[in-house]
Amino acid sequence: QVQLVESGGGLVEPGGSLRLSCTTSGHSSTLKSMAWFRQASGKEREYVSVATPGGGRIIKLSVKDRFTISRDNNTVWLQMNSLEPEDTARYFCAARLAGPTATSPDDYPFWGRGTQVTVSA
């Protein structure tokens, strides 16, 4: 069973930066897609960015100039710069063992518990 643990969230002022980390355990071989999703209060979970083991990267259009995903084997990071109040959400790391690159939460069987990001003055 793959286990994922996120860290790095917190309270930050608008314009600030945070770096989220996601570490994994319970799986020795390389995971397929690893992704970051977020869910704001009262809203559906949405994808933010996806990283494949081959170096492929997909990032949500609305954050592509501010967020960067990186990956080293089964650890993935999300660098978030110029944060805005609209980025406030709980951020989740997710992974899948096989299949094409995916951006739907339904395609990911393994999830962390999330880390809260709050952007506020």
C-alpha atoms as a PDB file:
ATOM      1  CA  GLN A   1       0.000   0.000   0.000  1.00  0.00           C
ATOM      2  CA  VAL A   2       1.402   3.364  -1.015  1.00  0.00           C
ATOM      3  CA  GLN A   3       1.392   5.979   1.708  1.00  0.00           C
ATOM      4  CA  LEU A   4       1.900   9.670   1.020  1.00  0.00           C
ATOM      5  CA  VAL A   5       2.660  12.432   3.486  1.00  0.00           C
ATOM      6  CA  GLU A   6       2.516  16.111   2.632  1.00  0.00           C
ATOM      7  CA  SER A   7       4.294  18.904   4.476  1.00  0.00           C
ATOM      8  CA  GLY A   8       5.180  22.529   4.044  1.00  0.00           C
ATOM      9  CA  GLY A   9       1.834  24.245   4.259  1.00  0.00           C
ATOM     10  CA  GLY A  10       1.109  27.212   6.460  1.00  0.00           C
ATOM     11  CA  LEU A  11      -0.063  30.774   6.680  1.00  0.00           C
ATOM     12  CA  VAL A  12       1.568  33.206   4.304  1.00  0.00           C
ATOM     13  CA  GLU A  13       0.876  36.773   3.233  1.00  0.00           C
ATOM     14  CA  PRO A  14      -0.152  37.568  -0.333  1.00  0.00           C
ATOM     15  CA  GLY A  15       2.903  37.599  -2.558  1.00  0.00           C
ATOM     16  CA  GLY A  16       4.722  35.113  -0.376  1.00  0.00           C
ATOM     17  CA  SER A  17       6.060  31.663  -1.182  1.00  0.00           C
ATOM     18  CA  LEU A  18       5.729  28.150   0.116  1.00  0.00           C
ATOM     19  CA  ARG A  19       7.301  24.860  -0.872  1.00  0.00           C
ATOM     20  CA  LEU A  20       5.208  21.769  -0.370  1.00  0.00           C
ATOM     21  CA  SER A  21       6.760  18.335  -0.124  1.00  0.00           C
ATOM     22  CA  CYS A  22       5.271  14.901  -0.580  1.00  0.00           C
ATOM     23  CA  THR A  23       7.139  11.821   0.545  1.00  0.00           C
ATOM     24  CA  THR A  24       6.048   8.251  -0.032  1.00  0.00           C
ATOM     25  CA  SER A  25       6.475   4.853   1.552  1.00  0.00           C
ATOM     26  CA  GLY A  26       5.193   1.360   1.046  1.00  0.00           C
ATOM     27  CA  HIS A  27       6.262   1.039  -2.580  1.00  0.00           C
ATOM     28  CA  SER A  28       9.765   0.214  -3.729  1.00  0.00           C
ATOM     29  CA  SER A  29       9.499   0.812  -7.478  1.00  0.00           C
ATOM     30  CA  THR A  30       8.892   4.137  -9.209  1.00  0.00           C
ATOM     31  CA  LEU A  31       5.353   5.399  -9.102  1.00  0.00           C
ATOM     32  CA  LYS A  32       3.722   6.541 -12.291  1.00  0.00           C
ATOM     33  CA  SER A  33       2.020   9.932 -12.120  1.00  0.00           C
ATOM     34  CA  MET A  34       2.396  11.942  -8.935  1.00  0.00           C
ATOM     35  CA  ALA A  35       0.181  14.941  -8.639  1.00  0.00           C
ATOM     36  CA  TRP A  36      -0.835  17.871  -6.506  1.00  0.00           C
ATOM     37  CA  PHE A  37      -4.491  18.675  -6.067  1.00  0.00           C
ATOM     38  CA  ARG A  38      -6.148  21.315  -3.944  1.00  0.00           C
ATOM     39  CA  GLN A  39      -9.538  21.769  -2.433  1.00  0.00           C
ATOM     40  CA  ALA A  40     -10.840  25.067  -1.169  1.00  0.00           C
ATOM     41  CA  SER A  41     -13.643  25.204   1.353  1.00  0.00           C
ATOM     42  CA  GLY A  42     -16.948  24.458  -0.334  1.00  0.00           C
ATOM     43  CA  LYS A  43     -15.371  23.664  -3.674  1.00  0.00           C
ATOM     44  CA  GLU A  44     -14.478  20.537  -5.593  1.00  0.00           C
ATOM     45  CA  ARG A  45     -10.990  19.129  -5.579  1.00  0.00           C
ATOM     46  CA  GLU A  46      -8.993  20.365  -8.572  1.00  0.00           C
ATOM     47  CA  TYR A  47      -5.701  19.362 -10.041  1.00  0.00           C
ATOM     48  CA  VAL A  48      -2.774  21.725  -9.765  1.00  0.00           C
ATOM     49  CA  SER A  49       0.116  19.869 -11.331  1.00  0.00           C
ATOM     50  CA  VAL A  50       1.287  16.412 -12.370  1.00  0.00           C
ATOM     51  CA  ALA A  51       4.759  14.939 -12.724  1.00  0.00           C
ATOM     52  CA  THR A  52       5.671  11.695 -14.450  1.00  0.00           C
ATOM     53  CA  PRO A  53       8.837   9.678 -13.827  1.00  0.00           C
ATOM     54  CA  GLY A  54      10.007  10.420 -17.374  1.00  0.00           C
ATOM     55  CA  GLY A  55      10.135  14.154 -16.728  1.00  0.00           C
ATOM     56  CA  GLY A  56       6.704  15.072 -18.062  1.00  0.00           C
ATOM     57  CA  ARG A  57       5.022  18.000 -16.346  1.00  0.00           C
ATOM     58  CA  ILE A  58       1.512  19.324 -16.528  1.00  0.00           C
ATOM     59  CA  ILE A  59       0.454  22.398 -14.620  1.00  0.00           C
ATOM     60  CA  LYS A  60      -2.862  24.160 -14.261  1.00  0.00           C
ATOM     61  CA  LEU A  61      -2.990  27.142 -16.570  1.00  0.00           C
ATOM     62  CA  SER A  62      -4.022  29.597 -13.868  1.00  0.00           C
ATOM     63  CA  VAL A  63      -0.917  28.898 -11.779  1.00  0.00           C
ATOM     64  CA  LYS A  64       1.696  28.004 -14.388  1.00  0.00           C
ATOM     65  CA  ASP A  65       3.578  31.286 -14.004  1.00  0.00           C
ATOM     66  CA  ARG A  66       3.751  30.975 -10.228  1.00  0.00           C
ATOM     67  CA  PHE A  67       3.896  27.279  -9.341  1.00  0.00           C
ATOM     68  CA  THR A  68       6.532  24.706 -10.251  1.00  0.00           C
ATOM     69  CA  ILE A  69       6.401  20.969  -9.696  1.00  0.00           C
ATOM     70  CA  SER A  70       9.532  18.923  -9.325  1.00  0.00           C
ATOM     71  CA  ARG A  71      10.149  15.281  -8.683  1.00  0.00           C
ATOM     72  CA  ASP A  72      12.909  12.954  -7.632  1.00  0.00           C
ATOM     73  CA  ASN A  73      11.895   9.317  -7.852  1.00  0.00           C
ATOM     74  CA  ASN A  74       8.913   9.023  -5.474  1.00  0.00           C
ATOM     75  CA  THR A  75       9.203  12.419  -3.827  1.00  0.00           C
ATOM     76  CA  VAL A  76       7.476  15.410  -5.325  1.00  0.00           C
ATOM     77  CA  TRP A  77       7.542  19.104  -4.469  1.00  0.00           C
ATOM     78  CA  LEU A  78       5.402  22.066  -5.345  1.00  0.00           C
ATOM     79  CA  GLN A  79       7.094  25.453  -5.275  1.00  0.00           C
ATOM     80  CA  MET A  80       4.469  28.163  -4.982  1.00  0.00           C
ATOM     81  CA  ASN A  81       5.441  31.777  -5.521  1.00  0.00           C
ATOM     82  CA  SER A  82       3.460  35.011  -5.604  1.00  0.00           C
ATOM     83  CA  LEU A  83       0.708  33.384  -3.633  1.00  0.00           C
ATOM     84  CA  GLU A  84      -2.747  34.893  -3.798  1.00  0.00           C
ATOM     85  CA  PRO A  85      -5.717  34.604  -1.427  1.00  0.00           C
ATOM     86  CA  GLU A  86      -7.396  32.486  -4.115  1.00  0.00           C
ATOM     87  CA  ASP A  87      -4.688  29.853  -3.591  1.00  0.00           C
ATOM     88  CA  THR A  88      -5.999  29.191  -0.090  1.00  0.00           C
ATOM     89  CA  ALA A  89      -6.917  25.513   0.053  1.00  0.00           C
ATOM     90  CA  ARG A  90      -5.924  22.175   1.396  1.00  0.00           C
ATOM     91  CA  TYR A  91      -3.278  20.728  -0.894  1.00  0.00           C
ATOM     92  CA  PHE A  92      -3.147  16.993  -1.476  1.00  0.00           C
ATOM     93  CA  CYS A  93      -0.520  14.758  -2.981  1.00  0.00           C
ATOM     94  CA  ALA A  94      -1.735  11.799  -5.034  1.00  0.00           C
ATOM     95  CA  ALA A  95      -0.140   8.934  -6.915  1.00  0.00           C
ATOM     96  CA  ARG A  96      -0.972   6.123  -9.286  1.00  0.00           C
ATOM     97  CA  LEU A  97       0.937   2.996 -10.199  1.00  0.00           C
ATOM     98  CA  ALA A  98       0.087   2.748 -13.891  1.00  0.00           C
ATOM     99  CA  GLY A  99      -1.745   4.378 -16.742  1.00  0.00           C
ATOM    100  CA  PRO A 100      -1.328   7.586 -18.718  1.00  0.00           C
ATOM    101  CA  THR A 101      -0.820  10.988 -17.181  1.00  0.00           C
ATOM    102  CA  ALA A 102      -4.052  11.989 -15.504  1.00  0.00           C
ATOM    103  CA  THR A 103      -5.554  15.136 -14.037  1.00  0.00           C
ATOM    104  CA  SER A 104      -8.798  13.776 -12.629  1.00  0.00           C
ATOM    105  CA  PRO A 105      -8.810  12.929  -8.928  1.00  0.00           C
ATOM    106  CA  ASP A 106     -10.799   9.809  -9.822  1.00  0.00           C
ATOM    107  CA  ASP A 107      -7.716   8.403 -11.557  1.00  0.00           C
ATOM    108  CA  TYR A 108      -5.600   8.447  -8.412  1.00  0.00           C
ATOM    109  CA  PRO A 109      -6.013   5.625  -5.902  1.00  0.00           C
ATOM    110  CA  PHE A 110      -3.434   6.837  -3.387  1.00  0.00           C
ATOM    111  CA  TRP A 111      -3.739  10.056  -1.431  1.00  0.00           C
ATOM    112  CA  GLY A 112      -2.123  11.874   1.414  1.00  0.00           C
ATOM    113  CA  ARG A 113      -4.109  13.662   4.097  1.00  0.00           C
ATOM    114  CA  GLY A 114      -3.186  17.068   2.763  1.00  0.00           C
ATOM    115  CA  THR A 115      -1.529  20.195   4.075  1.00  0.00           C
ATOM    116  CA  GLN A 116      -3.333  23.480   4.589  1.00  0.00           C
ATOM    117  CA  VAL A 117      -2.205  26.580   2.727  1.00  0.00           C
ATOM    118  CA  THR A 118      -3.726  29.864   3.832  1.00  0.00           C
ATOM    119  CA  VAL A 119      -2.880  33.090   2.043  1.00  0.00           C
ATOM    120  CA  SER A 120      -4.003  36.079   4.021  1.00  0.00           C
ATOM    121  CA  ALA A 121      -2.807  39.449   5.203  1.00  0.00           C
END
